[in-house]
């Protein structure tokens, strides 16, 4: 039997969806830059295939399969748990995961939390997921650039036998990604203000502190400084170490220029995100963490689609 509008509950009455504000819409990525970054990821995959020994290549392929299955299982599990918690324990916050787009963002963040928390960062899969599987965010091209540079650093450090660079890059990123993932998931659950025990605000402060220490301070002062200067001092002849006009010293550190440029590019991306975080901080002082994140970073990938 059809339910009349007069007797229908508020959730049953048809409503006209309001168009999203322009600031909350996620613009489509530049087609040229998107294609270029995807091509670079494909080239890096070919390089990895050609560089890895046969036994490591088989192990790497197996790891990709395991990661793909683990990501699917994690997202499915967090979808069930998130929906249950949102409906039964966060009803006073308006069931924050009731919208499908928010649920997808929440589950997207859940698998990244598991990856970063377990220190098993598979950057090739992350780049693939960023392009084809996850909700598009406003920093999509920046994130893809980050994946391209990180894959290049880790793969090239293995190829030339200079493993410390790749290991330290992974460590510094994972250490600062854990509180960032927790903050995003708390934000999707609207765990803010007194009703949410100020969890988003506390996690924002923790994330900002860890981010600035690892990515803004340690990354250039330890990693870039060591790769740029101490490598030359350790490997070059004394009179050549500080002569930067000698770009390819012999003897000299392996791929000194390539590592220095890639690390510098990565640091530029860190600074870009730091300014974004500072903009979020400015907004948090006047609005809620959830609203500021939606305006400045998340956007709404399903423009005009709430369910």
C-alpha atoms as a PDB file:
ATOM      1  CA  UNK A   1       0.000   0.000   0.000  1.00  0.00           C
ATOM      2  CA  UNK A   2       1.336   3.425  -0.899  1.00  0.00           C
ATOM      3  CA  UNK A   3       2.073   5.752   1.965  1.00  0.00           C
ATOM      4  CA  UNK A   4       0.665   9.255   1.608  1.00  0.00           C
ATOM      5  CA  UNK A   5       2.872  12.262   2.188  1.00  0.00           C
ATOM      6  CA  UNK A   6       0.676  13.358   5.082  1.00  0.00           C
ATOM      7  CA  UNK A   7       1.141  10.113   7.023  1.00  0.00           C
ATOM      8  CA  UNK A   8       4.711   9.376   6.019  1.00  0.00           C
ATOM      9  CA  UNK A   9       7.571   9.709   8.459  1.00  0.00           C
ATOM     10  CA  UNK A  10      10.233  12.374   7.753  1.00  0.00           C
ATOM     11  CA  UNK A  11      12.572   9.746   6.307  1.00  0.00           C
ATOM     12  CA  UNK A  12       9.847   8.558   3.932  1.00  0.00           C
ATOM     13  CA  UNK A  13       8.818  11.937   2.544  1.00  0.00           C
ATOM     14  CA  UNK A  14      10.548  12.594  -0.803  1.00  0.00           C
ATOM     15  CA  UNK A  15      12.912  15.515  -0.618  1.00  0.00           C
ATOM     16  CA  UNK A  16      14.642  17.560  -3.255  1.00  0.00           C
ATOM     17  CA  UNK A  17      18.397  17.356  -2.849  1.00  0.00           C
ATOM     18  CA  UNK A  18      20.097  20.689  -2.733  1.00  0.00           C
ATOM     19  CA  UNK A  19      23.039  21.185  -5.053  1.00  0.00           C
ATOM     20  CA  UNK A  20      26.375  21.043  -3.296  1.00  0.00           C
ATOM     21  CA  UNK A  21      28.202  24.313  -2.674  1.00  0.00           C
ATOM     22  CA  UNK A  22      30.971  24.880  -5.205  1.00  0.00           C
ATOM     23  CA  UNK A  23      33.638  24.711  -2.462  1.00  0.00           C
ATOM     24  CA  UNK A  24      32.558  21.165  -1.533  1.00  0.00           C
ATOM     25  CA  UNK A  25      32.690  19.761  -5.047  1.00  0.00           C
ATOM     26  CA  UNK A  26      35.806  17.874  -6.083  1.00  0.00           C
ATOM     27  CA  UNK A  27      36.933  19.103  -9.512  1.00  0.00           C
ATOM     28  CA  UNK A  28      38.015  16.519 -12.043  1.00  0.00           C
ATOM     29  CA  UNK A  29      41.808  16.106 -12.146  1.00  0.00           C
ATOM     30  CA  UNK A  30      43.680  17.675 -15.031  1.00  0.00           C
ATOM     31  CA  UNK A  31      43.560  15.001 -17.746  1.00  0.00           C
ATOM     32  CA  UNK A  32      47.130  15.570 -18.922  1.00  0.00           C
ATOM     33  CA  UNK A  33      48.664  15.471 -15.432  1.00  0.00           C
ATOM     34  CA  UNK A  34      46.520  12.481 -14.492  1.00  0.00           C
ATOM     35  CA  UNK A  35      47.663  10.582 -17.577  1.00  0.00           C
ATOM     36  CA  UNK A  36      51.290  11.574 -17.015  1.00  0.00           C
ATOM     37  CA  UNK A  37      51.297  10.388 -13.401  1.00  0.00           C
ATOM     38  CA  UNK A  38      49.602   7.098 -14.288  1.00  0.00           C
ATOM     39  CA  UNK A  39      52.151   6.571 -17.065  1.00  0.00           C
ATOM     40  CA  UNK A  40      54.989   7.165 -14.611  1.00  0.00           C
ATOM     41  CA  UNK A  41      53.513   4.598 -12.216  1.00  0.00           C
ATOM     42  CA  UNK A  42      53.320   2.099 -15.098  1.00  0.00           C
ATOM     43  CA  UNK A  43      56.953   2.816 -16.033  1.00  0.00           C
ATOM     44  CA  UNK A  44      58.005   2.332 -12.408  1.00  0.00           C
ATOM     45  CA  UNK A  45      56.234  -1.036 -12.371  1.00  0.00           C
ATOM     46  CA  UNK A  46      58.197  -2.059 -15.474  1.00  0.00           C
ATOM     47  CA  UNK A  47      61.447  -0.927 -13.832  1.00  0.00           C
ATOM     48  CA  UNK A  48      60.633  -2.881 -10.672  1.00  0.00           C
ATOM     49  CA  UNK A  49      59.899  -5.951 -12.802  1.00  0.00           C
ATOM     50  CA  UNK A  50      63.236  -5.635 -14.597  1.00  0.00           C
ATOM     51  CA  UNK A  51      65.270  -4.906 -11.457  1.00  0.00           C
ATOM     52  CA  UNK A  52      63.952  -7.479  -8.998  1.00  0.00           C
ATOM     53  CA  UNK A  53      65.533 -10.959  -9.062  1.00  0.00           C
ATOM     54  CA  UNK A  54      63.208 -13.792 -10.036  1.00  0.00           C
ATOM     55  CA  UNK A  55      62.642 -15.081  -6.493  1.00  0.00           C
ATOM     56  CA  UNK A  56      61.942 -11.577  -5.148  1.00  0.00           C
ATOM     57  CA  UNK A  57      59.667 -10.818  -8.095  1.00  0.00           C
ATOM     58  CA  UNK A  58      57.532 -13.846  -7.278  1.00  0.00           C
ATOM     59  CA  UNK A  59      57.404 -12.797  -3.634  1.00  0.00           C
ATOM     60  CA  UNK A  60      56.476  -9.233  -4.612  1.00  0.00           C
ATOM     61  CA  UNK A  61      53.644 -10.484  -6.827  1.00  0.00           C
ATOM     62  CA  UNK A  62      52.393 -12.671  -4.014  1.00  0.00           C
ATOM     63  CA  UNK A  63      52.513  -9.713  -1.639  1.00  0.00           C
ATOM     64  CA  UNK A  64      50.399  -7.626  -4.026  1.00  0.00           C
ATOM     65  CA  UNK A  65      47.758 -10.364  -4.088  1.00  0.00           C
ATOM     66  CA  UNK A  66      47.832 -10.659  -0.294  1.00  0.00           C
ATOM     67  CA  UNK A  67      47.545  -6.889   0.105  1.00  0.00           C
ATOM     68  CA  UNK A  68      44.609  -6.708  -2.333  1.00  0.00           C
ATOM     69  CA  UNK A  69      42.752  -9.436  -0.415  1.00  0.00           C
ATOM     70  CA  UNK A  70      43.624  -7.842   2.936  1.00  0.00           C
ATOM     71  CA  UNK A  71      42.388  -4.436   1.744  1.00  0.00           C
ATOM     72  CA  UNK A  72      39.093  -5.924   0.582  1.00  0.00           C
ATOM     73  CA  UNK A  73      38.620  -7.814   3.862  1.00  0.00           C
ATOM     74  CA  UNK A  74      39.532  -4.752   5.943  1.00  0.00           C
ATOM     75  CA  UNK A  75      37.111  -2.478   4.093  1.00  0.00           C
ATOM     76  CA  UNK A  76      34.323  -5.060   4.323  1.00  0.00           C
ATOM     77  CA  UNK A  77      34.918  -5.544   8.058  1.00  0.00           C
ATOM     78  CA  UNK A  78      35.061  -1.827   8.820  1.00  0.00           C
ATOM     79  CA  UNK A  79      31.909  -1.290   6.756  1.00  0.00           C
ATOM     80  CA  UNK A  80      29.992  -3.735   8.956  1.00  0.00           C
ATOM     81  CA  UNK A  81      31.493  -2.476  12.210  1.00  0.00           C
ATOM     82  CA  UNK A  82      31.228   1.177  11.179  1.00  0.00           C
ATOM     83  CA  UNK A  83      27.565   0.870  10.204  1.00  0.00           C
ATOM     84  CA  UNK A  84      26.739  -0.888  13.499  1.00  0.00           C
ATOM     85  CA  UNK A  85      28.590   1.692  15.613  1.00  0.00           C
ATOM     86  CA  UNK A  86      27.154   4.601  13.637  1.00  0.00           C
ATOM     87  CA  UNK A  87      23.559   3.400  13.940  1.00  0.00           C
ATOM     88  CA  UNK A  88      23.568   2.175  17.532  1.00  0.00           C
ATOM     89  CA  UNK A  89      26.207   4.190  19.389  1.00  0.00           C
ATOM     90  CA  UNK A  90      26.438   7.436  17.420  1.00  0.00           C
ATOM     91  CA  UNK A  91      22.744   8.033  16.822  1.00  0.00           C
ATOM     92  CA  UNK A  92      23.013  11.238  18.859  1.00  0.00           C
ATOM     93  CA  UNK A  93      25.431  12.496  16.183  1.00  0.00           C
ATOM     94  CA  UNK A  94      22.928  11.830  13.409  1.00  0.00           C
ATOM     95  CA  UNK A  95      24.227   8.404  12.284  1.00  0.00           C
ATOM     96  CA  UNK A  96      27.344   9.936  10.630  1.00  0.00           C
ATOM     97  CA  UNK A  97      27.991   6.969   8.304  1.00  0.00           C
ATOM     98  CA  UNK A  98      24.452   6.805   6.908  1.00  0.00           C
ATOM     99  CA  UNK A  99      25.538   8.358   3.597  1.00  0.00           C
ATOM    100  CA  UNK A 100      27.236   5.977   1.202  1.00  0.00           C
ATOM    101  CA  UNK A 101      29.892   8.501   0.170  1.00  0.00           C
ATOM    102  CA  UNK A 102      30.915   8.981   3.824  1.00  0.00           C
ATOM    103  CA  UNK A 103      30.935   5.224   4.394  1.00  0.00           C
ATOM    104  CA  UNK A 104      33.201   4.713   1.382  1.00  0.00           C
ATOM    105  CA  UNK A 105      35.613   7.367   2.622  1.00  0.00           C
ATOM    106  CA  UNK A 106      35.575   5.770   6.085  1.00  0.00           C
ATOM    107  CA  UNK A 107      36.364   2.306   4.705  1.00  0.00           C
ATOM    108  CA  UNK A 108      38.996   3.743   2.348  1.00  0.00           C
ATOM    109  CA  UNK A 109      40.734   5.234   5.380  1.00  0.00           C
ATOM    110  CA  UNK A 110      40.368   2.028   7.425  1.00  0.00           C
ATOM    111  CA  UNK A 111      42.586  -0.052   5.159  1.00  0.00           C
ATOM    112  CA  UNK A 112      45.207   2.693   5.045  1.00  0.00           C
ATOM    113  CA  UNK A 113      45.222   2.717   8.840  1.00  0.00           C
ATOM    114  CA  UNK A 114      45.851  -1.045   8.861  1.00  0.00           C
ATOM    115  CA  UNK A 115      48.584  -0.760   6.232  1.00  0.00           C
ATOM    116  CA  UNK A 116      50.405   2.087   7.975  1.00  0.00           C
ATOM    117  CA  UNK A 117      49.908   0.589  11.434  1.00  0.00           C
ATOM    118  CA  UNK A 118      51.470  -2.717  10.415  1.00  0.00           C
ATOM    119  CA  UNK A 119      54.363  -0.990   8.574  1.00  0.00           C
ATOM    120  CA  UNK A 120      53.592  -2.916   5.375  1.00  0.00           C
ATOM    121  CA  UNK A 121      53.390  -0.063   2.902  1.00  0.00           C
ATOM    122  CA  UNK A 122      52.941  -1.371  -0.631  1.00  0.00           C
ATOM    123  CA  UNK A 123      53.185   1.879  -2.582  1.00  0.00           C
ATOM    124  CA  UNK A 124      52.462   0.415  -5.990  1.00  0.00           C
ATOM    125  CA  UNK A 125      49.081  -0.843  -4.787  1.00  0.00           C
ATOM    126  CA  UNK A 126      48.438   2.481  -3.049  1.00  0.00           C
ATOM    127  CA  UNK A 127      48.969   4.351  -6.315  1.00  0.00           C
ATOM    128  CA  UNK A 128      46.652   1.933  -8.154  1.00  0.00           C
ATOM    129  CA  UNK A 129      44.007   2.314  -5.457  1.00  0.00           C
ATOM    130  CA  UNK A 130      44.324   6.109  -5.463  1.00  0.00           C
ATOM    131  CA  UNK A 131      43.604   6.159  -9.193  1.00  0.00           C
ATOM    132  CA  UNK A 132      40.902   3.515  -9.613  1.00  0.00           C
ATOM    133  CA  UNK A 133      39.320   2.496  -6.296  1.00  0.00           C
ATOM    134  CA  UNK A 134      39.128   5.328  -3.776  1.00  0.00           C
ATOM    135  CA  UNK A 135      36.970   8.416  -3.529  1.00  0.00           C
ATOM    136  CA  UNK A 136      38.563  11.363  -5.356  1.00  0.00           C
ATOM    137  CA  UNK A 137      39.751  14.114  -3.014  1.00  0.00           C
ATOM    138  CA  UNK A 138      40.913  17.649  -3.676  1.00  0.00           C
ATOM    139  CA  UNK A 139      44.593  16.680  -3.344  1.00  0.00           C
ATOM    140  CA  UNK A 140      44.326  13.779  -5.805  1.00  0.00           C
ATOM    141  CA  UNK A 141      47.112  14.956  -8.154  1.00  0.00           C
ATOM    142  CA  UNK A 142      49.369  15.810  -5.204  1.00  0.00           C
ATOM    143  CA  UNK A 143      48.780  12.332  -3.751  1.00  0.00           C
ATOM    144  CA  UNK A 144      49.524  10.659  -7.083  1.00  0.00           C
ATOM    145  CA  UNK A 145      52.732  12.698  -7.381  1.00  0.00           C
ATOM    146  CA  UNK A 146      53.643  11.574  -3.882  1.00  0.00           C
ATOM    147  CA  UNK A 147      53.164   7.929  -4.851  1.00  0.00           C
ATOM    148  CA  UNK A 148      55.266   8.322  -8.000  1.00  0.00           C
ATOM    149  CA  UNK A 149      58.172   9.919  -6.110  1.00  0.00           C
ATOM    150  CA  UNK A 150      57.981   7.464  -3.198  1.00  0.00           C
ATOM    151  CA  UNK A 151      57.923   4.415  -5.466  1.00  0.00           C
ATOM    152  CA  UNK A 152      60.911   5.808  -7.366  1.00  0.00           C
ATOM    153  CA  UNK A 153      62.874   6.392  -4.142  1.00  0.00           C
ATOM    154  CA  UNK A 154      62.166   2.964  -2.670  1.00  0.00           C
ATOM    155  CA  UNK A 155      62.677   1.052  -5.942  1.00  0.00           C
ATOM    156  CA  UNK A 156      65.841   2.931  -6.922  1.00  0.00           C
ATOM    157  CA  UNK A 157      67.373   2.586  -3.449  1.00  0.00           C
ATOM    158  CA  UNK A 158      66.953  -1.179  -3.834  1.00  0.00           C
ATOM    159  CA  UNK A 159      68.250  -1.194  -7.417  1.00  0.00           C
ATOM    160  CA  UNK A 160      71.531   0.567  -6.561  1.00  0.00           C
ATOM    161  CA  UNK A 161      71.964  -1.162  -3.196  1.00  0.00           C
ATOM    162  CA  UNK A 162      71.442   2.012  -1.150  1.00  0.00           C
ATOM    163  CA  UNK A 163      68.683   0.648   1.094  1.00  0.00           C
ATOM    164  CA  UNK A 164      68.820   3.218   3.950  1.00  0.00           C
ATOM    165  CA  UNK A 165      67.109   5.853   1.793  1.00  0.00           C
ATOM    166  CA  UNK A 166      64.114   3.644   1.003  1.00  0.00           C
ATOM    167  CA  UNK A 167      63.814   2.320   4.553  1.00  0.00           C
ATOM    168  CA  UNK A 168      63.918   5.794   6.121  1.00  0.00           C
ATOM    169  CA  UNK A 169      61.390   7.165   3.635  1.00  0.00           C
ATOM    170  CA  UNK A 170      58.945   4.407   4.565  1.00  0.00           C
ATOM    171  CA  UNK A 171      59.588   4.834   8.302  1.00  0.00           C
ATOM    172  CA  UNK A 172      59.106   8.620   8.351  1.00  0.00           C
ATOM    173  CA  UNK A 173      55.901   8.368   6.340  1.00  0.00           C
ATOM    174  CA  UNK A 174      54.324   5.514   8.278  1.00  0.00           C
ATOM    175  CA  UNK A 175      55.150   7.098  11.636  1.00  0.00           C
ATOM    176  CA  UNK A 176      53.194  10.230  10.723  1.00  0.00           C
ATOM    177  CA  UNK A 177      50.440   8.479   8.748  1.00  0.00           C
ATOM    178  CA  UNK A 178      49.004   6.530  11.713  1.00  0.00           C
ATOM    179  CA  UNK A 179      47.618   9.563  13.624  1.00  0.00           C
ATOM    180  CA  UNK A 180      46.483  11.061  10.298  1.00  0.00           C
ATOM    181  CA  UNK A 181      44.442   7.948   9.467  1.00  0.00           C
ATOM    182  CA  UNK A 182      42.933   7.896  12.966  1.00  0.00           C
ATOM    183  CA  UNK A 183      41.988  11.576  12.654  1.00  0.00           C
ATOM    184  CA  UNK A 184      40.246  11.062   9.307  1.00  0.00           C
ATOM    185  CA  UNK A 185      38.241   8.103  10.591  1.00  0.00           C
ATOM    186  CA  UNK A 186      37.222   9.985  13.752  1.00  0.00           C
ATOM    187  CA  UNK A 187      36.203  12.883  11.506  1.00  0.00           C
ATOM    188  CA  UNK A 188      33.962  10.646   9.369  1.00  0.00           C
ATOM    189  CA  UNK A 189      32.321   9.430  12.595  1.00  0.00           C
ATOM    190  CA  UNK A 190      31.809  13.077  13.715  1.00  0.00           C
ATOM    191  CA  UNK A 191      33.533  12.356  17.019  1.00  0.00           C
ATOM    192  CA  UNK A 192      34.064  15.996  17.891  1.00  0.00           C
ATOM    193  CA  UNK A 193      33.081  18.492  20.591  1.00  0.00           C
ATOM    194  CA  UNK A 194      31.643  17.298  23.870  1.00  0.00           C
ATOM    195  CA  UNK A 195      29.308  14.775  22.214  1.00  0.00           C
ATOM    196  CA  UNK A 196      32.283  13.011  20.609  1.00  0.00           C
ATOM    197  CA  UNK A 197      34.557  13.383  23.651  1.00  0.00           C
ATOM    198  CA  UNK A 198      36.684  15.905  21.677  1.00  0.00           C
ATOM    199  CA  UNK A 199      38.374  12.929  19.981  1.00  0.00           C
ATOM    200  CA  UNK A 200      38.822  14.695  16.621  1.00  0.00           C
ATOM    201  CA  UNK A 201      40.330  17.757  18.303  1.00  0.00           C
ATOM    202  CA  UNK A 202      42.789  15.658  20.337  1.00  0.00           C
ATOM    203  CA  UNK A 203      43.794  13.590  17.293  1.00  0.00           C
ATOM    204  CA  UNK A 204      44.246  16.767  15.257  1.00  0.00           C
ATOM    205  CA  UNK A 205      46.709  18.105  17.852  1.00  0.00           C
ATOM    206  CA  UNK A 206      48.581  14.775  17.929  1.00  0.00           C
ATOM    207  CA  UNK A 207      48.660  14.558  14.128  1.00  0.00           C
ATOM    208  CA  UNK A 208      49.929  18.132  13.753  1.00  0.00           C
ATOM    209  CA  UNK A 209      52.717  17.560  16.287  1.00  0.00           C
ATOM    210  CA  UNK A 210      53.859  14.257  14.756  1.00  0.00           C
ATOM    211  CA  UNK A 211      53.558  15.613  11.207  1.00  0.00           C
ATOM    212  CA  UNK A 212      55.683  18.689  11.855  1.00  0.00           C
ATOM    213  CA  UNK A 213      58.328  16.688  13.731  1.00  0.00           C
ATOM    214  CA  UNK A 214      58.732  13.846  11.237  1.00  0.00           C
ATOM    215  CA  UNK A 215      57.919  15.382   7.855  1.00  0.00           C
ATOM    216  CA  UNK A 216      58.881  19.037   8.302  1.00  0.00           C
ATOM    217  CA  UNK A 217      61.827  18.749  10.716  1.00  0.00           C
ATOM    218  CA  UNK A 218      63.382  15.258  10.623  1.00  0.00           C
ATOM    219  CA  UNK A 219      62.927  14.700   6.891  1.00  0.00           C
ATOM    220  CA  UNK A 220      65.138  17.620   5.748  1.00  0.00           C
ATOM    221  CA  UNK A 221      67.457  17.883   8.765  1.00  0.00           C
ATOM    222  CA  UNK A 222      68.365  14.184   8.846  1.00  0.00           C
ATOM    223  CA  UNK A 223      67.413  12.400   5.639  1.00  0.00           C
ATOM    224  CA  UNK A 224      67.945  15.110   3.003  1.00  0.00           C
ATOM    225  CA  UNK A 225      71.033  16.493   4.756  1.00  0.00           C
ATOM    226  CA  UNK A 226      72.598  13.035   4.948  1.00  0.00           C
ATOM    227  CA  UNK A 227      71.750  12.153   1.346  1.00  0.00           C
ATOM    228  CA  UNK A 228      72.920  15.513  -0.003  1.00  0.00           C
ATOM    229  CA  UNK A 229      76.015  16.392   2.075  1.00  0.00           C
ATOM    230  CA  UNK A 230      77.199  13.500   4.226  1.00  0.00           C
ATOM    231  CA  UNK A 231      77.053  11.092   1.287  1.00  0.00           C
ATOM    232  CA  UNK A 232      79.472  13.264  -0.662  1.00  0.00           C
ATOM    233  CA  UNK A 233      81.746  13.739   2.348  1.00  0.00           C
ATOM    234  CA  UNK A 234      81.887   9.974   2.915  1.00  0.00           C
ATOM    235  CA  UNK A 235      82.367   8.904  -0.710  1.00  0.00           C
ATOM    236  CA  UNK A 236      84.074  11.762  -2.562  1.00  0.00           C
ATOM    237  CA  UNK A 237      87.643  12.951  -2.543  1.00  0.00           C
ATOM    238  CA  UNK A 238      88.113  15.698   0.105  1.00  0.00           C
ATOM    239  CA  UNK A 239      88.541  18.520  -2.414  1.00  0.00           C
ATOM    240  CA  UNK A 240      85.437  17.410  -4.374  1.00  0.00           C
ATOM    241  CA  UNK A 241      82.949  16.841  -1.539  1.00  0.00           C
ATOM    242  CA  UNK A 242      81.768  20.467  -1.273  1.00  0.00           C
ATOM    243  CA  UNK A 243      82.281  21.415  -4.899  1.00  0.00           C
ATOM    244  CA  UNK A 244      78.716  21.215  -6.223  1.00  0.00           C
ATOM    245  CA  UNK A 245      79.880  22.035  -9.735  1.00  0.00           C
ATOM    246  CA  UNK A 246      80.978  18.386  -9.843  1.00  0.00           C
ATOM    247  CA  UNK A 247      77.536  16.844 -10.306  1.00  0.00           C
ATOM    248  CA  UNK A 248      78.739  13.290 -10.951  1.00  0.00           C
ATOM    249  CA  UNK A 249      81.833  12.807  -8.763  1.00  0.00           C
ATOM    250  CA  UNK A 250      83.898   9.676  -9.260  1.00  0.00           C
ATOM    251  CA  UNK A 251      84.372   8.081  -6.851  1.00  0.00           C
ATOM    252  CA  UNK A 252      81.115   9.261  -5.334  1.00  0.00           C
ATOM    253  CA  UNK A 253      77.823   8.179  -3.757  1.00  0.00           C
ATOM    254  CA  UNK A 254      75.516   6.073  -5.955  1.00  0.00           C
ATOM    255  CA  UNK A 255      72.846   8.142  -7.736  1.00  0.00           C
ATOM    256  CA  UNK A 256      73.595  11.158  -5.527  1.00  0.00           C
ATOM    257  CA  UNK A 257      71.792  13.652  -7.765  1.00  0.00           C
ATOM    258  CA  UNK A 258      68.736  11.445  -8.354  1.00  0.00           C
ATOM    259  CA  UNK A 259      68.193  10.792  -4.648  1.00  0.00           C
ATOM    260  CA  UNK A 260      68.687  14.460  -3.770  1.00  0.00           C
ATOM    261  CA  UNK A 261      66.164  15.621  -6.375  1.00  0.00           C
ATOM    262  CA  UNK A 262      63.560  12.993  -5.468  1.00  0.00           C
ATOM    263  CA  UNK A 263      63.874  13.704  -1.745  1.00  0.00           C
ATOM    264  CA  UNK A 264      63.576  17.436  -2.420  1.00  0.00           C
ATOM    265  CA  UNK A 265      60.429  16.858  -4.499  1.00  0.00           C
ATOM    266  CA  UNK A 266      58.969  14.809  -1.675  1.00  0.00           C
ATOM    267  CA  UNK A 267      59.724  17.576   0.808  1.00  0.00           C
ATOM    268  CA  UNK A 268      57.963  20.134  -1.407  1.00  0.00           C
ATOM    269  CA  UNK A 269      54.858  17.930  -1.252  1.00  0.00           C
ATOM    270  CA  UNK A 270      55.215  17.758   2.536  1.00  0.00           C
ATOM    271  CA  UNK A 271      55.279  21.556   2.701  1.00  0.00           C
ATOM    272  CA  UNK A 272      52.169  21.761   0.501  1.00  0.00           C
ATOM    273  CA  UNK A 273      50.301  19.444   2.869  1.00  0.00           C
ATOM    274  CA  UNK A 274      51.633  21.355   5.880  1.00  0.00           C
ATOM    275  CA  UNK A 275      50.085  24.584   4.584  1.00  0.00           C
ATOM    276  CA  UNK A 276      46.828  22.677   4.041  1.00  0.00           C
ATOM    277  CA  UNK A 277      46.968  21.423   7.642  1.00  0.00           C
ATOM    278  CA  UNK A 278      47.611  24.972   8.889  1.00  0.00           C
ATOM    279  CA  UNK A 279      44.563  26.140   6.936  1.00  0.00           C
ATOM    280  CA  UNK A 280      42.603  23.384   8.651  1.00  0.00           C
ATOM    281  CA  UNK A 281      43.949  24.549  12.014  1.00  0.00           C
ATOM    282  CA  UNK A 282      42.823  28.102  11.292  1.00  0.00           C
ATOM    283  CA  UNK A 283      39.350  26.835  10.432  1.00  0.00           C
ATOM    284  CA  UNK A 284      39.154  24.508  13.452  1.00  0.00           C
ATOM    285  CA  UNK A 285      39.442  27.541  15.732  1.00  0.00           C
ATOM    286  CA  UNK A 286      36.184  28.930  14.325  1.00  0.00           C
ATOM    287  CA  UNK A 287      34.316  25.864  13.022  1.00  0.00           C
ATOM    288  CA  UNK A 288      34.176  22.119  13.657  1.00  0.00           C
ATOM    289  CA  UNK A 289      36.884  19.713  12.477  1.00  0.00           C
ATOM    290  CA  UNK A 290      34.325  17.889  10.334  1.00  0.00           C
ATOM    291  CA  UNK A 291      33.110  21.011   8.497  1.00  0.00           C
ATOM    292  CA  UNK A 292      36.625  22.355   7.940  1.00  0.00           C
ATOM    293  CA  UNK A 293      37.887  19.021   6.558  1.00  0.00           C
ATOM    294  CA  UNK A 294      34.947  18.853   4.155  1.00  0.00           C
ATOM    295  CA  UNK A 295      35.521  22.402   2.901  1.00  0.00           C
ATOM    296  CA  UNK A 296      39.314  22.324   2.620  1.00  0.00           C
ATOM    297  CA  UNK A 297      40.209  18.713   1.829  1.00  0.00           C
ATOM    298  CA  UNK A 298      37.540  16.025   1.499  1.00  0.00           C
ATOM    299  CA  UNK A 299      35.006  17.666  -0.766  1.00  0.00           C
ATOM    300  CA  UNK A 300      32.108  15.488  -1.876  1.00  0.00           C
ATOM    301  CA  UNK A 301      33.010  13.016  -4.608  1.00  0.00           C
ATOM    302  CA  UNK A 302      29.441  12.044  -5.374  1.00  0.00           C
ATOM    303  CA  UNK A 303      28.176  15.498  -6.257  1.00  0.00           C
ATOM    304  CA  UNK A 304      24.461  15.563  -5.622  1.00  0.00           C
ATOM    305  CA  UNK A 305      24.393  11.891  -4.509  1.00  0.00           C
ATOM    306  CA  UNK A 306      23.904  11.345  -0.799  1.00  0.00           C
ATOM    307  CA  UNK A 307      22.969   7.701  -0.624  1.00  0.00           C
END
